[in-house]
Amino acid sequence: SLIKAMCRYKNVRFVLISPKELQVPDYIITDVLEPSGAKYVQVENMEA
């Protein structure tokens, strides 16, 4: 829900931190983030 809301605002960048098995569902990427044009990265290390 928060990704859907925040990607409607200007120049918001998402850093998605999780194990591979618990990454966001594909529809969040294909139906929400990519159509919005928001920048995002998926990582497995919080400290970095």
All heavy atoms as atom14 arrays in JSON, in Angstrom:
{
  "sequence": "SLIKAMCRYKNVRFVLISPKELQVPDYIITDVLEPSGAKYVQVENMEA",
  "atom14_mask": [
    [1, 1, 1, 1, 1, 1, 0, 0, 0, 0, 0, 0, 0, 0],
    [1, 1, 1, 1, 1, 1, 1, 1, 0, 0, 0, 0, 0, 0],
    [1, 1, 1, 1, 1, 1, 1, 1, 0, 0, 0, 0, 0, 0],
    [1, 1, 1, 1, 1, 1, 1, 1, 1, 0, 0, 0, 0, 0],
    [1, 1, 1, 1, 1, 0, 0, 0, 0, 0, 0, 0, 0, 0],
    [1, 1, 1, 1, 1, 1, 1, 1, 0, 0, 0, 0, 0, 0],
    [1, 1, 1, 1, 1, 1, 0, 0, 0, 0, 0, 0, 0, 0],
    [1, 1, 1, 1, 1, 1, 1, 1, 1, 1, 1, 0, 0, 0],
    [1, 1, 1, 1, 1, 1, 1, 1, 1, 1, 1, 1, 0, 0],
    [1, 1, 1, 1, 1, 1, 1, 1, 1, 0, 0, 0, 0, 0],
    [1, 1, 1, 1, 1, 1, 1, 1, 0, 0, 0, 0, 0, 0],
    [1, 1, 1, 1, 1, 1, 1, 0, 0, 0, 0, 0, 0, 0],
    [1, 1, 1, 1, 1, 1, 1, 1, 1, 1, 1, 0, 0, 0],
    [1, 1, 1, 1, 1, 1, 1, 1, 1, 1, 1, 0, 0, 0],
    [1, 1, 1, 1, 1, 1, 1, 0, 0, 0, 0, 0, 0, 0],
    [1, 1, 1, 1, 1, 1, 1, 1, 0, 0, 0, 0, 0, 0],
    [1, 1, 1, 1, 1, 1, 1, 1, 0, 0, 0, 0, 0, 0],
    [1, 1, 1, 1, 1, 1, 0, 0, 0, 0, 0, 0, 0, 0],
    [1, 1, 1, 1, 1, 1, 1, 0, 0, 0, 0, 0, 0, 0],
    [1, 1, 1, 1, 1, 1, 1, 1, 1, 0, 0, 0, 0, 0],
    [1, 1, 1, 1, 1, 1, 1, 1, 1, 0, 0, 0, 0, 0],
    [1, 1, 1, 1, 1, 1, 1, 1, 0, 0, 0, 0, 0, 0],
    [1, 1, 1, 1, 1, 1, 1, 1, 1, 0, 0, 0, 0, 0],
    [1, 1, 1, 1, 1, 1, 1, 0, 0, 0, 0, 0, 0, 0],
    [1, 1, 1, 1, 1, 1, 1, 0, 0, 0, 0, 0, 0, 0],
    [1, 1, 1, 1, 1, 1, 1, 1, 0, 0, 0, 0, 0, 0],
    [1, 1, 1, 1, 1, 1, 1, 1, 1, 1, 1, 1, 0, 0],
    [1, 1, 1, 1, 1, 1, 1, 1, 0, 0, 0, 0, 0, 0],
    [1, 1, 1, 1, 1, 1, 1, 1, 0, 0, 0, 0, 0, 0],
    [1, 1, 1, 1, 1, 1, 1, 0, 0, 0, 0, 0, 0, 0],
    [1, 1, 1, 1, 1, 1, 1, 1, 0, 0, 0, 0, 0, 0],
    [1, 1, 1, 1, 1, 1, 1, 0, 0, 0, 0, 0, 0, 0],
    [1, 1, 1, 1, 1, 1, 1, 1, 0, 0, 0, 0, 0, 0],
    [1, 1, 1, 1, 1, 1, 1, 1, 1, 0, 0, 0, 0, 0],
    [1, 1, 1, 1, 1, 1, 1, 0, 0, 0, 0, 0, 0, 0],
    [1, 1, 1, 1, 1, 1, 0, 0, 0, 0, 0, 0, 0, 0],
    [1, 1, 1, 1, 0, 0, 0, 0, 0, 0, 0, 0, 0, 0],
    [1, 1, 1, 1, 1, 0, 0, 0, 0, 0, 0, 0, 0, 0],
    [1, 1, 1, 1, 1, 1, 1, 1, 1, 0, 0, 0, 0, 0],
    [1, 1, 1, 1, 1, 1, 1, 1, 1, 1, 1, 1, 0, 0],
    [1, 1, 1, 1, 1, 1, 1, 0, 0, 0, 0, 0, 0, 0],
    [1, 1, 1, 1, 1, 1, 1, 1, 1, 0, 0, 0, 0, 0],
    [1, 1, 1, 1, 1, 1, 1, 0, 0, 0, 0, 0, 0, 0],
    [1, 1, 1, 1, 1, 1, 1, 1, 1, 0, 0, 0, 0, 0],
    [1, 1, 1, 1, 1, 1, 1, 1, 0, 0, 0, 0, 0, 0],
    [1, 1, 1, 1, 1, 1, 1, 1, 0, 0, 0, 0, 0, 0],
    [1, 1, 1, 1, 1, 1, 1, 1, 1, 0, 0, 0, 0, 0],
    [1, 1, 1, 1, 1, 0, 0, 0, 0, 0, 0, 0, 0, 0]
  ],
  "atom14_positions": [
    [[0.82, -1.21, 0.0], [0.0, 0.0, 0.0], [0.85, 1.26, 0.0], [0.54, 2.24, -0.69], [-0.93, 0.01, 1.22], [-2.0, -0.89, 1.06], [0.0, 0.0, 0.0], [0.0, 0.0, 0.0], [0.0, 0.0, 0.0], [0.0, 0.0, 0.0], [0.0, 0.0, 0.0], [0.0, 0.0, 0.0], [0.0, 0.0, 0.0], [0.0, 0.0, 0.0]],
    [[1.94, 1.25, 0.77], [2.79, 2.44, 0.86], [3.5, 2.71, -0.46], [3.64, 3.87, -0.89], [3.8, 2.3, 2.0], [4.66, 3.53, 2.29], [3.79, 4.75, 2.57], [5.59, 3.26, 3.46], [0.0, 0.0, 0.0], [0.0, 0.0, 0.0], [0.0, 0.0, 0.0], [0.0, 0.0, 0.0], [0.0, 0.0, 0.0], [0.0, 0.0, 0.0]],
    [[3.95, 1.66, -1.14], [4.59, 1.84, -2.45], [3.59, 2.46, -3.43], [3.91, 3.4, -4.16], [5.13, 0.5, -2.99], [6.33, 0.03, -2.15], [5.54, 0.64, -4.46], [6.82, -1.36, -2.5], [0.0, 0.0, 0.0], [0.0, 0.0, 0.0], [0.0, 0.0, 0.0], [0.0, 0.0, 0.0], [0.0, 0.0, 0.0], [0.0, 0.0, 0.0]],
    [[2.35, 1.93, -3.46], [1.33, 2.48, -4.35], [1.09, 3.96, -4.09], [0.89, 4.74, -5.02], [0.01, 1.71, -4.17], [0.0, 0.3, -4.71], [-1.35, -0.33, -4.43], [-1.4, -1.78, -4.83], [-2.71, -2.39, -4.5], [0.0, 0.0, 0.0], [0.0, 0.0, 0.0], [0.0, 0.0, 0.0], [0.0, 0.0, 0.0], [0.0, 0.0, 0.0]],
    [[1.1, 4.33, -2.82], [0.85, 5.73, -2.47], [2.04, 6.62, -2.8], [1.88, 7.67, -3.43], [0.51, 5.84, -0.98], [0.0, 0.0, 0.0], [0.0, 0.0, 0.0], [0.0, 0.0, 0.0], [0.0, 0.0, 0.0], [0.0, 0.0, 0.0], [0.0, 0.0, 0.0], [0.0, 0.0, 0.0], [0.0, 0.0, 0.0], [0.0, 0.0, 0.0]],
    [[3.24, 6.22, -2.4], [4.4, 7.1, -2.52], [4.89, 7.25, -3.96], [5.5, 8.27, -4.3], [5.53, 6.6, -1.63], [5.3, 6.83, -0.14], [5.22, 8.59, 0.3], [6.92, 9.1, 0.0], [0.0, 0.0, 0.0], [0.0, 0.0, 0.0], [0.0, 0.0, 0.0], [0.0, 0.0, 0.0], [0.0, 0.0, 0.0], [0.0, 0.0, 0.0]],
    [[4.63, 6.26, -4.81], [5.11, 6.38, -6.2], [4.31, 7.41, -6.98], [4.65, 7.73, -8.12], [5.1, 5.02, -6.9], [3.48, 4.41, -7.34], [0.0, 0.0, 0.0], [0.0, 0.0, 0.0], [0.0, 0.0, 0.0], [0.0, 0.0, 0.0], [0.0, 0.0, 0.0], [0.0, 0.0, 0.0], [0.0, 0.0, 0.0], [0.0, 0.0, 0.0]],
    [[3.27, 7.97, -6.38], [2.48, 9.02, -7.03], [3.1, 10.41, -6.83], [2.66, 11.37, -7.44], [1.05, 9.01, -6.49], [0.32, 7.69, -6.74], [-0.92, 7.55, -5.89], [-2.03, 8.33, -6.4], [-3.21, 8.45, -5.77], [-3.39, 7.84, -4.61], [-4.18, 9.18, -6.29], [0.0, 0.0, 0.0], [0.0, 0.0, 0.0], [0.0, 0.0, 0.0]],
    [[4.12, 10.47, -5.96], [4.75, 11.75, -5.68], [6.04, 11.91, -6.49], [6.52, 10.96, -7.11], [5.0, 11.9, -4.18], [3.71, 11.97, -3.38], [3.18, 10.84, -2.78], [3.01, 13.17, -3.29], [1.98, 10.9, -2.08], [1.81, 13.24, -2.59], [1.3, 12.11, -1.99], [0.1, 12.17, -1.31], [0.0, 0.0, 0.0], [0.0, 0.0, 0.0]],
    [[6.6, 13.11, -6.47], [7.72, 13.45, -7.34], [9.06, 12.96, -6.78], [9.37, 13.16, -5.61], [7.79, 14.97, -7.53], [6.58, 15.57, -8.24], [6.71, 17.08, -8.32], [5.47, 17.71, -8.96], [5.56, 19.19, -8.97], [0.0, 0.0, 0.0], [0.0, 0.0, 0.0], [0.0, 0.0, 0.0], [0.0, 0.0, 0.0], [0.0, 0.0, 0.0]],
    [[9.83, 12.33, -7.67], [11.22, 11.98, -7.39], [11.39, 11.19, -6.1], [12.29, 11.45, -5.3], [12.07, 13.27, -7.32], [13.56, 12.98, -7.43], [13.96, 12.03, -8.08], [14.37, 13.78, -6.74], [0.0, 0.0, 0.0], [0.0, 0.0, 0.0], [0.0, 0.0, 0.0], [0.0, 0.0, 0.0], [0.0, 0.0, 0.0], [0.0, 0.0, 0.0]],
    [[10.53, 10.21, -5.9], [10.67, 9.3, -4.76], [11.44, 8.07, -5.24], [11.11, 7.47, -6.26], [9.3, 8.88, -4.19], [9.48, 7.86, -3.07], [8.56, 10.11, -3.68], [0.0, 0.0, 0.0], [0.0, 0.0, 0.0], [0.0, 0.0, 0.0], [0.0, 0.0, 0.0], [0.0, 0.0, 0.0], [0.0, 0.0, 0.0], [0.0, 0.0, 0.0]],
    [[12.47, 7.7, -4.49], [13.3, 6.54, -4.83], [13.07, 5.45, -3.8], [13.06, 5.72, -2.59], [14.77, 6.93, -4.85], [15.73, 5.79, -5.16], [17.15, 6.3, -5.34], [18.1, 5.22, -5.58], [18.89, 4.7, -4.63], [18.87, 5.2, -3.41], [19.72, 3.73, -4.93], [0.0, 0.0, 0.0], [0.0, 0.0, 0.0], [0.0, 0.0, 0.0]],
    [[12.86, 4.22, -4.26], [12.57, 3.1, -3.37], [13.78, 2.17, -3.28], [14.35, 1.79, -4.3], [11.37, 2.3, -3.88], [10.09, 3.09, -3.89], [9.72, 3.82, -5.01], [9.26, 3.11, -2.78], [8.54, 4.55, -5.04], [8.08, 3.84, -2.79], [7.72, 4.56, -3.92], [0.0, 0.0, 0.0], [0.0, 0.0, 0.0], [0.0, 0.0, 0.0]],
    [[14.16, 1.83, -2.06], [15.2, 0.84, -1.82], [14.51, -0.34, -1.14], [14.05, -0.23, 0.01], [16.33, 1.4, -0.93], [17.41, 0.35, -0.72], [16.93, 2.66, -1.57], [0.0, 0.0, 0.0], [0.0, 0.0, 0.0], [0.0, 0.0, 0.0], [0.0, 0.0, 0.0], [0.0, 0.0, 0.0], [0.0, 0.0, 0.0], [0.0, 0.0, 0.0]],
    [[14.41, -1.45, -1.84], [13.65, -2.62, -1.39], [14.62, -3.64, -0.8], [15.37, -4.29, -1.53], [12.86, -3.2, -2.55], [11.99, -2.18, -3.31], [11.37, -2.82, -4.56], [10.92, -1.59, -2.41], [0.0, 0.0, 0.0], [0.0, 0.0, 0.0], [0.0, 0.0, 0.0], [0.0, 0.0, 0.0], [0.0, 0.0, 0.0], [0.0, 0.0, 0.0]],
    [[14.6, -3.78, 0.52], [15.6, -4.58, 1.25], [14.95, -5.85, 1.77], [14.1, -5.8, 2.68], [16.18, -3.76, 2.43], [16.59, -2.35, 1.98], [17.35, -4.49, 3.07], [16.77, -1.37, 3.12], [0.0, 0.0, 0.0], [0.0, 0.0, 0.0], [0.0, 0.0, 0.0], [0.0, 0.0, 0.0], [0.0, 0.0, 0.0], [0.0, 0.0, 0.0]],
    [[15.32, -6.99, 1.23], [14.72, -8.25, 1.66], [15.52, -9.44, 1.14], [16.29, -9.29, 0.18], [13.28, -8.36, 1.13], [13.28, -8.55, -0.28], [0.0, 0.0, 0.0], [0.0, 0.0, 0.0], [0.0, 0.0, 0.0], [0.0, 0.0, 0.0], [0.0, 0.0, 0.0], [0.0, 0.0, 0.0], [0.0, 0.0, 0.0], [0.0, 0.0, 0.0]],
    [[15.31, -10.62, 1.73], [15.85, -11.83, 1.1], [15.15, -12.04, -0.24], [14.03, -11.56, -0.45], [15.46, -12.95, 2.09], [15.03, -12.28, 3.33], [14.55, -10.91, 2.96], [0.0, 0.0, 0.0], [0.0, 0.0, 0.0], [0.0, 0.0, 0.0], [0.0, 0.0, 0.0], [0.0, 0.0, 0.0], [0.0, 0.0, 0.0], [0.0, 0.0, 0.0]],
    [[15.81, -12.76, -1.14], [15.2, -12.98, -2.46], [13.83, -13.63, -2.36], [12.91, -13.32, -3.13], [16.13, -13.86, -3.31], [17.34, -13.11, -3.84], [18.17, -13.98, -4.76], [19.37, -13.18, -5.32], [20.22, -14.01, -6.19], [0.0, 0.0, 0.0], [0.0, 0.0, 0.0], [0.0, 0.0, 0.0], [0.0, 0.0, 0.0], [0.0, 0.0, 0.0]],
    [[13.68, -14.53, -1.38], [12.42, -15.24, -1.24], [11.27, -14.34, -0.79], [10.1, -14.71, -0.9], [12.55, -16.41, -0.25], [13.52, -17.49, -0.69], [14.95, -17.21, -0.23], [15.28, -16.05, 0.1], [15.74, -18.18, -0.18], [0.0, 0.0, 0.0], [0.0, 0.0, 0.0], [0.0, 0.0, 0.0], [0.0, 0.0, 0.0], [0.0, 0.0, 0.0]],
    [[11.6, -13.16, -0.23], [10.57, -12.27, 0.31], [10.54, -10.92, -0.41], [10.08, -9.92, 0.14], [10.79, -12.06, 1.82], [10.61, -13.31, 2.69], [10.89, -12.98, 4.15], [9.2, -13.88, 2.54], [0.0, 0.0, 0.0], [0.0, 0.0, 0.0], [0.0, 0.0, 0.0], [0.0, 0.0, 0.0], [0.0, 0.0, 0.0], [0.0, 0.0, 0.0]],
    [[11.04, -10.9, -1.66], [10.98, -9.67, -2.44], [9.53, -9.32, -2.78], [8.64, -10.18, -2.74], [11.79, -9.83, -3.72], [13.3, -9.86, -3.49], [14.08, -10.01, -4.79], [13.53, -10.43, -5.8], [15.36, -9.7, -4.74], [0.0, 0.0, 0.0], [0.0, 0.0, 0.0], [0.0, 0.0, 0.0], [0.0, 0.0, 0.0], [0.0, 0.0, 0.0]],
    [[9.31, -8.06, -3.15], [7.95, -7.63, -3.48], [7.39, -8.5, -4.61], [8.14, -8.96, -5.47], [7.9, -6.14, -3.89], [8.24, -5.24, -2.72], [8.79, -5.87, -5.08], [0.0, 0.0, 0.0], [0.0, 0.0, 0.0], [0.0, 0.0, 0.0], [0.0, 0.0, 0.0], [0.0, 0.0, 0.0], [0.0, 0.0, 0.0], [0.0, 0.0, 0.0]],
    [[6.08, -8.73, -4.62], [5.48, -9.52, -5.7], [5.73, -8.86, -7.06], [5.9, -7.64, -7.16], [3.98, -9.5, -5.36], [3.91, -9.16, -3.91], [5.1, -8.3, -3.62], [0.0, 0.0, 0.0], [0.0, 0.0, 0.0], [0.0, 0.0, 0.0], [0.0, 0.0, 0.0], [0.0, 0.0, 0.0], [0.0, 0.0, 0.0], [0.0, 0.0, 0.0]],
    [[5.73, -9.67, -8.09], [6.0, -9.16, -9.44], [5.05, -8.04, -9.84], [5.45, -7.1, -10.54], [5.9, -10.31, -10.46], [7.05, -11.3, -10.33], [8.07, -10.94, -9.71], [6.91, -12.42, -10.84], [0.0, 0.0, 0.0], [0.0, 0.0, 0.0], [0.0, 0.0, 0.0], [0.0, 0.0, 0.0], [0.0, 0.0, 0.0], [0.0, 0.0, 0.0]],
    [[3.79, -8.12, -9.39], [2.82, -7.11, -9.83], [3.17, -5.72, -9.28], [2.83, -4.71, -9.91], [1.39, -7.52, -9.46], [0.94, -7.09, -8.07], [0.31, -5.85, -7.88], [1.11, -7.91, -6.97], [-0.11, -5.44, -6.63], [0.69, -7.51, -5.71], [0.08, -6.29, -5.54], [-0.33, -5.89, -4.29], [0.0, 0.0, 0.0], [0.0, 0.0, 0.0]],
    [[3.83, -5.66, -8.13], [4.24, -4.36, -7.59], [5.28, -3.72, -8.52], [5.27, -2.5, -8.75], [4.81, -4.51, -6.17], [3.7, -4.92, -5.18], [5.47, -3.21, -5.71], [2.66, -3.84, -4.94], [0.0, 0.0, 0.0], [0.0, 0.0, 0.0], [0.0, 0.0, 0.0], [0.0, 0.0, 0.0], [0.0, 0.0, 0.0], [0.0, 0.0, 0.0]],
    [[6.15, -4.54, -9.08], [7.15, -4.03, -10.02], [6.5, -3.66, -11.35], [6.67, -2.54, -11.86], [8.26, -5.08, -10.26], [8.96, -5.45, -8.94], [9.26, -4.57, -11.3], [9.74, -4.33, -8.31], [0.0, 0.0, 0.0], [0.0, 0.0, 0.0], [0.0, 0.0, 0.0], [0.0, 0.0, 0.0], [0.0, 0.0, 0.0], [0.0, 0.0, 0.0]],
    [[5.75, -4.6, -11.94], [5.24, -4.42, -13.3], [4.03, -3.51, -13.4], [3.84, -2.82, -14.4], [4.9, -5.78, -13.93], [3.89, -6.43, -13.12], [6.12, -6.68, -14.02], [0.0, 0.0, 0.0], [0.0, 0.0, 0.0], [0.0, 0.0, 0.0], [0.0, 0.0, 0.0], [0.0, 0.0, 0.0], [0.0, 0.0, 0.0], [0.0, 0.0, 0.0]],
    [[3.18, -3.51, -12.35], [1.93, -2.74, -12.41], [1.98, -1.43, -11.64], [1.11, -0.57, -11.84], [0.76, -3.58, -11.87], [0.51, -4.84, -12.69], [1.08, -4.94, -13.79], [-0.24, -5.71, -12.22], [0.0, 0.0, 0.0], [0.0, 0.0, 0.0], [0.0, 0.0, 0.0], [0.0, 0.0, 0.0], [0.0, 0.0, 0.0], [0.0, 0.0, 0.0]],
    [[2.96, -1.29, -10.76], [3.0, -0.09, -9.91], [4.27, 0.72, -10.13], [4.23, 1.86, -10.6], [2.86, -0.46, -8.4], [2.89, 0.79, -7.54], [1.59, -1.26, -8.16], [0.0, 0.0, 0.0], [0.0, 0.0, 0.0], [0.0, 0.0, 0.0], [0.0, 0.0, 0.0], [0.0, 0.0, 0.0], [0.0, 0.0, 0.0], [0.0, 0.0, 0.0]],
    [[5.42, 0.14, -9.83], [6.67, 0.91, -9.88], [7.07, 1.3, -11.3], [7.34, 2.47, -11.57], [7.79, 0.12, -9.2], [7.74, 0.07, -7.68], [8.74, -0.94, -7.13], [8.01, 1.46, -7.08], [0.0, 0.0, 0.0], [0.0, 0.0, 0.0], [0.0, 0.0, 0.0], [0.0, 0.0, 0.0], [0.0, 0.0, 0.0], [0.0, 0.0, 0.0]],
    [[7.11, 0.34, -12.2], [7.57, 0.64, -13.56], [6.65, 1.62, -14.3], [7.14, 2.57, -14.92], [7.79, -0.65, -14.33], [9.0, -1.43, -13.81], [9.27, -2.71, -14.57], [8.41, -3.11, -15.38], [10.35, -3.31, -14.35], [0.0, 0.0, 0.0], [0.0, 0.0, 0.0], [0.0, 0.0, 0.0], [0.0, 0.0, 0.0], [0.0, 0.0, 0.0]],
    [[5.32, 1.45, -14.23], [4.47, 2.43, -14.91], [4.59, 3.85, -14.32], [4.39, 4.83, -15.03], [3.05, 1.87, -14.7], [3.25, 0.41, -14.49], [4.54, 0.29, -13.75], [0.0, 0.0, 0.0], [0.0, 0.0, 0.0], [0.0, 0.0, 0.0], [0.0, 0.0, 0.0], [0.0, 0.0, 0.0], [0.0, 0.0, 0.0], [0.0, 0.0, 0.0]],
    [[4.91, 3.94, -13.02], [5.03, 5.26, -12.39], [6.31, 5.97, -12.77], [6.42, 7.19, -12.63], [4.97, 5.12, -10.87], [6.2, 4.6, -10.36], [0.0, 0.0, 0.0], [0.0, 0.0, 0.0], [0.0, 0.0, 0.0], [0.0, 0.0, 0.0], [0.0, 0.0, 0.0], [0.0, 0.0, 0.0], [0.0, 0.0, 0.0], [0.0, 0.0, 0.0]],
    [[7.3, 5.21, -13.23], [8.6, 5.79, -13.55], [9.48, 6.0, -12.34], [10.58, 6.57, -12.45], [0.0, 0.0, 0.0], [0.0, 0.0, 0.0], [0.0, 0.0, 0.0], [0.0, 0.0, 0.0], [0.0, 0.0, 0.0], [0.0, 0.0, 0.0], [0.0, 0.0, 0.0], [0.0, 0.0, 0.0], [0.0, 0.0, 0.0], [0.0, 0.0, 0.0]],
    [[9.03, 5.56, -11.18], [9.83, 5.73, -9.96], [11.08, 4.86, -10.02], [11.06, 3.73, -10.52], [9.0, 5.36, -8.73], [0.0, 0.0, 0.0], [0.0, 0.0, 0.0], [0.0, 0.0, 0.0], [0.0, 0.0, 0.0], [0.0, 0.0, 0.0], [0.0, 0.0, 0.0], [0.0, 0.0, 0.0], [0.0, 0.0, 0.0], [0.0, 0.0, 0.0]],
    [[12.19, 5.38, -9.49], [13.42, 4.62, -9.43], [13.37, 3.66, -8.24], [12.85, 4.0, -7.18], [14.61, 5.56, -9.29], [14.83, 6.46, -10.5], [16.03, 7.39, -10.29], [16.23, 8.28, -11.5], [17.37, 9.23, -11.3], [0.0, 0.0, 0.0], [0.0, 0.0, 0.0], [0.0, 0.0, 0.0], [0.0, 0.0, 0.0], [0.0, 0.0, 0.0]],
    [[13.92, 2.46, -8.44], [13.95, 1.49, -7.35], [15.14, 0.56, -7.52], [15.64, 0.34, -8.63], [12.65, 0.67, -7.3], [12.48, -0.29, -8.45], [12.91, -1.61, -8.36], [11.91, 0.12, -9.66], [12.77, -2.5, -9.41], [11.77, -0.76, -10.72], [12.19, -2.06, -10.59], [12.07, -2.94, -11.64], [0.0, 0.0, 0.0], [0.0, 0.0, 0.0]],
    [[15.59, 0.03, -6.4], [16.61, -1.02, -6.4], [16.18, -2.09, -5.41], [15.5, -1.79, -4.42], [18.01, -0.49, -6.02], [18.54, 0.45, -7.08], [18.0, 0.19, -4.65], [0.0, 0.0, 0.0], [0.0, 0.0, 0.0], [0.0, 0.0, 0.0], [0.0, 0.0, 0.0], [0.0, 0.0, 0.0], [0.0, 0.0, 0.0], [0.0, 0.0, 0.0]],
    [[16.57, -3.33, -5.68], [16.31, -4.43, -4.77], [17.65, -4.93, -4.24], [18.53, -5.29, -5.03], [15.55, -5.55, -5.48], [14.18, -5.12, -5.98], [13.35, -6.28, -6.51], [12.71, -7.0, -5.74], [13.35, -6.45, -7.82], [0.0, 0.0, 0.0], [0.0, 0.0, 0.0], [0.0, 0.0, 0.0], [0.0, 0.0, 0.0], [0.0, 0.0, 0.0]],
    [[17.81, -4.95, -2.92], [19.07, -5.33, -2.3], [18.8, -6.3, -1.16], [17.67, -6.43, -0.68], [19.83, -4.09, -1.77], [20.13, -3.11, -2.9], [19.05, -3.4, -0.66], [0.0, 0.0, 0.0], [0.0, 0.0, 0.0], [0.0, 0.0, 0.0], [0.0, 0.0, 0.0], [0.0, 0.0, 0.0], [0.0, 0.0, 0.0], [0.0, 0.0, 0.0]],
    [[19.88, -6.97, -0.73], [19.76, -7.92, 0.38], [20.6, -7.49, 1.58], [20.67, -8.23, 2.57], [20.2, -9.31, -0.09], [19.32, -9.88, -1.2], [19.76, -11.28, -1.62], [19.82, -12.17, -0.76], [20.06, -11.46, -2.82], [0.0, 0.0, 0.0], [0.0, 0.0, 0.0], [0.0, 0.0, 0.0], [0.0, 0.0, 0.0], [0.0, 0.0, 0.0]],
    [[21.2, -6.3, 1.52], [22.07, -5.85, 2.6], [21.6, -4.48, 3.09], [21.62, -3.5, 2.33], [23.52, -5.77, 2.12], [24.48, -5.4, 3.23], [24.48, -4.25, 3.67], [25.27, -6.36, 3.67], [0.0, 0.0, 0.0], [0.0, 0.0, 0.0], [0.0, 0.0, 0.0], [0.0, 0.0, 0.0], [0.0, 0.0, 0.0], [0.0, 0.0, 0.0]],
    [[21.18, -4.4, 4.35], [20.68, -3.16, 4.91], [21.78, -2.13, 5.12], [21.62, -0.95, 4.78], [19.98, -3.45, 6.26], [19.38, -2.22, 6.92], [18.99, -2.5, 8.67], [17.86, -3.89, 8.57], [0.0, 0.0, 0.0], [0.0, 0.0, 0.0], [0.0, 0.0, 0.0], [0.0, 0.0, 0.0], [0.0, 0.0, 0.0], [0.0, 0.0, 0.0]],
    [[22.91, -2.56, 5.67], [23.97, -1.63, 6.03], [24.51, -0.87, 4.82], [24.85, 0.33, 4.91], [25.13, -2.36, 6.71], [24.78, -2.94, 8.08], [24.29, -4.38, 8.02], [23.57, -4.73, 7.07], [24.66, -5.15, 8.94], [0.0, 0.0, 0.0], [0.0, 0.0, 0.0], [0.0, 0.0, 0.0], [0.0, 0.0, 0.0], [0.0, 0.0, 0.0]],
    [[24.58, -1.53, 3.68], [25.17, -0.9, 2.5], [24.38, 0.3, 2.01], [24.94, 1.25, 1.45], [25.3, -1.93, 1.37], [0.0, 0.0, 0.0], [0.0, 0.0, 0.0], [0.0, 0.0, 0.0], [0.0, 0.0, 0.0], [0.0, 0.0, 0.0], [0.0, 0.0, 0.0], [0.0, 0.0, 0.0], [0.0, 0.0, 0.0], [0.0, 0.0, 0.0]]
  ]
}
